[in-house]
Amino acid sequence: MPQARELAASGTLSVRCSTGTASGTRWTGRRDHLLLLDLLDLHAEAVDKIGAGVDRIVIAPPLRGSYPSFAVVRTDGTSTSPTWRA
């Protein structure tokens, strides 16, 4: 499987969740979960975003538009939204 950096650079990155999936639902697809963790590691603020460690990744309300986002729930119970600006 290509690494997250290669997928992001190629513009072929795609992580899916079902339309209408409730916010707070745990991301269950192992491949997608690992890809999201890889992307999080590439974030310019990865150390701050990861904090005490990642407990789970959950579906979050859209930050803009109609597509769901995701949030990182840390092992200490806090959470953050790993946003990127193009």
N, C-alpha and C. Protein backbone atom coordinates (compact mmCIF):
# COMPACT_ATOMS: atom_id res chain seq x y z
N MET A 1 0.84 -1.17 0.00
CA MET A 1 0.00 0.00 0.00
C MET A 1 0.90 1.24 0.00
N PRO A 2 0.62 2.20 -0.88
CA PRO A 2 1.43 3.43 -0.89
C PRO A 2 1.34 4.15 0.45
N GLN A 3 2.40 4.84 0.78
CA GLN A 3 2.44 5.60 2.02
C GLN A 3 1.61 6.87 1.89
N ALA A 4 1.18 7.42 3.01
CA ALA A 4 0.33 8.61 3.04
C ALA A 4 0.97 9.78 2.31
N ARG A 5 2.26 9.96 2.48
CA ARG A 5 2.95 11.09 1.84
C ARG A 5 2.83 10.99 0.32
N GLU A 6 3.00 9.78 -0.23
CA GLU A 6 2.89 9.57 -1.68
C GLU A 6 1.46 9.82 -2.16
N LEU A 7 0.49 9.32 -1.40
CA LEU A 7 -0.91 9.51 -1.78
C LEU A 7 -1.29 10.99 -1.75
N ALA A 8 -0.87 11.69 -0.72
CA ALA A 8 -1.20 13.11 -0.61
C ALA A 8 -0.55 13.90 -1.74
N ALA A 9 0.69 13.58 -2.06
CA ALA A 9 1.40 14.29 -3.13
C ALA A 9 0.77 14.02 -4.50
N SER A 10 0.25 12.82 -4.69
CA SER A 10 -0.31 12.45 -5.99
C SER A 10 -1.73 12.97 -6.18
N GLY A 11 -2.36 13.42 -5.10
CA GLY A 11 -3.73 13.91 -5.20
C GLY A 11 -4.75 12.79 -5.25
N THR A 12 -4.35 11.56 -4.93
CA THR A 12 -5.27 10.42 -5.00
C THR A 12 -5.71 9.95 -3.62
N LEU A 13 -5.55 10.80 -2.64
CA LEU A 13 -5.92 10.44 -1.28
C LEU A 13 -7.43 10.39 -1.13
N SER A 14 -7.94 9.29 -0.60
CA SER A 14 -9.38 9.16 -0.42
C SER A 14 -9.65 8.31 0.81
N VAL A 15 -10.33 8.91 1.78
CA VAL A 15 -10.77 8.20 2.97
C VAL A 15 -12.28 8.37 3.01
N ARG A 16 -13.01 7.29 3.15
CA ARG A 16 -14.45 7.37 3.03
C ARG A 16 -15.17 7.01 4.33
N CYS A 17 -16.30 7.66 4.50
CA CYS A 17 -17.24 7.25 5.52
C CYS A 17 -18.62 7.38 4.90
N SER A 18 -19.55 6.63 5.38
CA SER A 18 -20.89 6.65 4.81
C SER A 18 -21.58 7.98 5.05
N THR A 19 -22.31 8.44 4.06
CA THR A 19 -23.10 9.65 4.21
C THR A 19 -24.09 9.45 5.34
N GLY A 20 -24.21 10.44 6.18
CA GLY A 20 -25.15 10.34 7.29
C GLY A 20 -24.58 9.65 8.53
N THR A 21 -23.31 9.28 8.49
CA THR A 21 -22.69 8.67 9.67
C THR A 21 -22.64 9.72 10.77
N ALA A 22 -23.07 9.36 11.95
CA ALA A 22 -23.18 10.31 13.06
C ALA A 22 -21.81 10.79 13.53
N SER A 23 -21.74 12.08 13.88
CA SER A 23 -20.53 12.62 14.47
C SER A 23 -20.23 11.85 15.75
N GLY A 24 -18.96 11.64 16.02
CA GLY A 24 -18.55 10.90 17.20
C GLY A 24 -18.39 9.41 16.95
N THR A 25 -18.84 8.93 15.78
CA THR A 25 -18.68 7.52 15.44
C THR A 25 -17.20 7.22 15.24
N ARG A 26 -16.74 6.15 15.85
CA ARG A 26 -15.34 5.76 15.73
C ARG A 26 -15.03 5.31 14.31
N TRP A 27 -13.88 5.75 13.79
CA TRP A 27 -13.44 5.32 12.46
C TRP A 27 -13.01 3.87 12.60
N THR A 28 -13.66 2.95 11.90
CA THR A 28 -13.42 1.53 12.13
C THR A 28 -12.59 0.85 11.05
N GLY A 29 -12.52 1.42 9.86
CA GLY A 29 -11.74 0.79 8.79
C GLY A 29 -10.26 0.84 9.13
N ARG A 30 -9.63 -0.31 9.30
CA ARG A 30 -8.23 -0.37 9.70
C ARG A 30 -7.32 0.37 8.73
N ARG A 31 -7.52 0.16 7.43
CA ARG A 31 -6.68 0.82 6.43
C ARG A 31 -6.83 2.34 6.53
N ASP A 32 -8.08 2.81 6.60
CA ASP A 32 -8.32 4.24 6.71
C ASP A 32 -7.74 4.80 8.01
N HIS A 33 -7.91 4.06 9.10
CA HIS A 33 -7.39 4.50 10.40
C HIS A 33 -5.87 4.68 10.33
N LEU A 34 -5.18 3.70 9.76
CA LEU A 34 -3.73 3.78 9.65
C LEU A 34 -3.31 4.92 8.73
N LEU A 35 -4.06 5.13 7.66
CA LEU A 35 -3.76 6.23 6.76
C LEU A 35 -3.93 7.57 7.46
N LEU A 36 -4.99 7.72 8.23
CA LEU A 36 -5.21 8.96 8.98
C LEU A 36 -4.11 9.19 10.01
N LEU A 37 -3.64 8.12 10.65
CA LEU A 37 -2.53 8.26 11.60
C LEU A 37 -1.26 8.71 10.87
N ASP A 38 -1.01 8.13 9.69
CA ASP A 38 0.16 8.54 8.89
C ASP A 38 0.06 10.02 8.52
N LEU A 39 -1.13 10.45 8.10
CA LEU A 39 -1.31 11.85 7.75
C LEU A 39 -1.11 12.76 8.95
N LEU A 40 -1.59 12.32 10.09
CA LEU A 40 -1.42 13.11 11.31
C LEU A 40 0.06 13.28 11.63
N ASP A 41 0.84 12.23 11.41
CA ASP A 41 2.29 12.32 11.63
C ASP A 41 2.96 13.34 10.71
N LEU A 42 2.35 13.60 9.55
CA LEU A 42 2.91 14.56 8.59
C LEU A 42 2.50 16.00 8.90
N HIS A 43 1.57 16.18 9.81
CA HIS A 43 1.07 17.52 10.13
C HIS A 43 2.19 18.38 10.71
N ALA A 44 2.22 19.65 10.32
CA ALA A 44 3.24 20.57 10.82
C ALA A 44 3.22 20.69 12.34
N GLU A 45 2.05 20.47 12.95
CA GLU A 45 1.90 20.56 14.40
C GLU A 45 1.59 19.18 15.00
N ALA A 46 2.19 18.14 14.42
CA ALA A 46 1.88 16.77 14.82
C ALA A 46 2.07 16.53 16.32
N VAL A 47 3.13 17.04 16.89
CA VAL A 47 3.40 16.81 18.31
C VAL A 47 2.26 17.36 19.16
N ASP A 48 1.79 18.56 18.84
CA ASP A 48 0.67 19.16 19.58
C ASP A 48 -0.64 18.44 19.30
N LYS A 49 -0.86 18.03 18.05
CA LYS A 49 -2.10 17.36 17.68
C LYS A 49 -2.20 15.99 18.34
N ILE A 50 -1.10 15.26 18.42
CA ILE A 50 -1.08 13.92 19.00
C ILE A 50 -1.10 13.99 20.52
N GLY A 51 -0.40 14.96 21.09
CA GLY A 51 -0.40 15.14 22.55
C GLY A 51 0.02 13.89 23.29
N ALA A 52 -0.82 13.43 24.21
CA ALA A 52 -0.51 12.26 25.05
C ALA A 52 -0.57 10.94 24.27
N GLY A 53 -1.08 10.98 23.05
CA GLY A 53 -1.20 9.78 22.22
C GLY A 53 -2.62 9.69 21.68
N VAL A 54 -2.76 8.97 20.58
CA VAL A 54 -4.06 8.84 19.93
C VAL A 54 -4.79 7.61 20.47
N ASP A 55 -5.96 7.85 21.04
CA ASP A 55 -6.81 6.75 21.50
C ASP A 55 -7.68 6.24 20.36
N ARG A 56 -8.30 7.21 19.64
CA ARG A 56 -9.16 6.84 18.52
C ARG A 56 -9.37 8.04 17.61
N ILE A 57 -9.85 7.76 16.42
CA ILE A 57 -10.21 8.79 15.46
C ILE A 57 -11.71 8.67 15.23
N VAL A 58 -12.40 9.79 15.33
CA VAL A 58 -13.86 9.78 15.19
C VAL A 58 -14.30 10.73 14.09
N ILE A 59 -15.48 10.48 13.56
CA ILE A 59 -16.07 11.34 12.55
C ILE A 59 -16.58 12.60 13.23
N ALA A 60 -16.31 13.74 12.59
CA ALA A 60 -16.70 15.04 13.15
C ALA A 60 -17.58 15.79 12.15
N PRO A 61 -18.32 16.77 12.63
CA PRO A 61 -19.13 17.58 11.71
C PRO A 61 -18.23 18.27 10.68
N PRO A 62 -18.79 18.59 9.51
CA PRO A 62 -17.99 19.27 8.48
C PRO A 62 -17.43 20.60 8.99
N LEU A 63 -16.17 20.88 8.67
CA LEU A 63 -15.58 22.17 9.03
C LEU A 63 -16.06 23.22 8.03
N ARG A 64 -16.28 22.81 6.81
CA ARG A 64 -16.91 23.65 5.79
C ARG A 64 -17.42 22.71 4.70
N GLY A 65 -18.43 23.12 4.00
CA GLY A 65 -19.01 22.27 2.98
C GLY A 65 -19.88 21.19 3.60
N SER A 66 -20.11 20.14 2.84
CA SER A 66 -21.03 19.10 3.31
C SER A 66 -20.35 17.79 3.67
N TYR A 67 -19.03 17.72 3.52
CA TYR A 67 -18.34 16.46 3.79
C TYR A 67 -17.88 16.39 5.24
N PRO A 68 -18.06 15.23 5.89
CA PRO A 68 -17.63 15.11 7.28
C PRO A 68 -16.12 15.26 7.42
N SER A 69 -15.72 15.64 8.59
CA SER A 69 -14.32 15.78 8.94
C SER A 69 -13.97 14.65 9.91
N PHE A 70 -12.84 14.75 10.56
CA PHE A 70 -12.52 13.79 11.61
C PHE A 70 -11.83 14.50 12.75
N ALA A 71 -11.88 13.89 13.90
CA ALA A 71 -11.25 14.44 15.09
C ALA A 71 -10.41 13.36 15.75
N VAL A 72 -9.37 13.78 16.40
CA VAL A 72 -8.49 12.87 17.12
C VAL A 72 -8.85 12.96 18.60
N VAL A 73 -9.15 11.81 19.20
CA VAL A 73 -9.38 11.74 20.64
C VAL A 73 -8.11 11.15 21.24
N ARG A 74 -7.51 11.93 22.12
CA ARG A 74 -6.24 11.52 22.73
C ARG A 74 -6.47 10.57 23.91
N THR A 75 -5.41 9.92 24.33
CA THR A 75 -5.50 8.97 25.44
C THR A 75 -5.85 9.64 26.76
N ASP A 76 -5.63 10.96 26.87
CA ASP A 76 -5.99 11.66 28.10
C ASP A 76 -7.43 12.19 28.07
N GLY A 77 -8.18 11.86 27.00
CA GLY A 77 -9.58 12.26 26.90
C GLY A 77 -9.82 13.56 26.16
N THR A 78 -8.77 14.34 25.90
CA THR A 78 -8.93 15.58 25.14
C THR A 78 -9.03 15.24 23.65
N SER A 79 -9.50 16.20 22.87
CA SER A 79 -9.61 15.95 21.43
C SER A 79 -9.20 17.19 20.66
N THR A 80 -8.92 17.00 19.38
CA THR A 80 -8.53 18.09 18.49
C THR A 80 -8.93 17.73 17.07
N SER A 81 -9.08 18.74 16.26
CA SER A 81 -9.38 18.56 14.85
C SER A 81 -8.11 18.86 14.06
N PRO A 82 -7.54 17.87 13.40
CA PRO A 82 -6.31 18.12 12.64
C PRO A 82 -6.61 18.78 11.30
N THR A 83 -6.71 20.10 11.29
CA THR A 83 -7.03 20.83 10.08
C THR A 83 -5.78 21.18 9.30
N TRP A 84 -5.94 21.27 7.99
CA TRP A 84 -4.86 21.66 7.10
C TRP A 84 -5.36 22.80 6.24
N ARG A 85 -4.47 23.67 5.89
CA ARG A 85 -4.79 24.76 4.96
C ARG A 85 -4.00 24.53 3.69
N ALA A 86 -4.70 24.59 2.56
CA ALA A 86 -4.04 24.38 1.27
C ALA A 86 -3.30 25.63 0.83
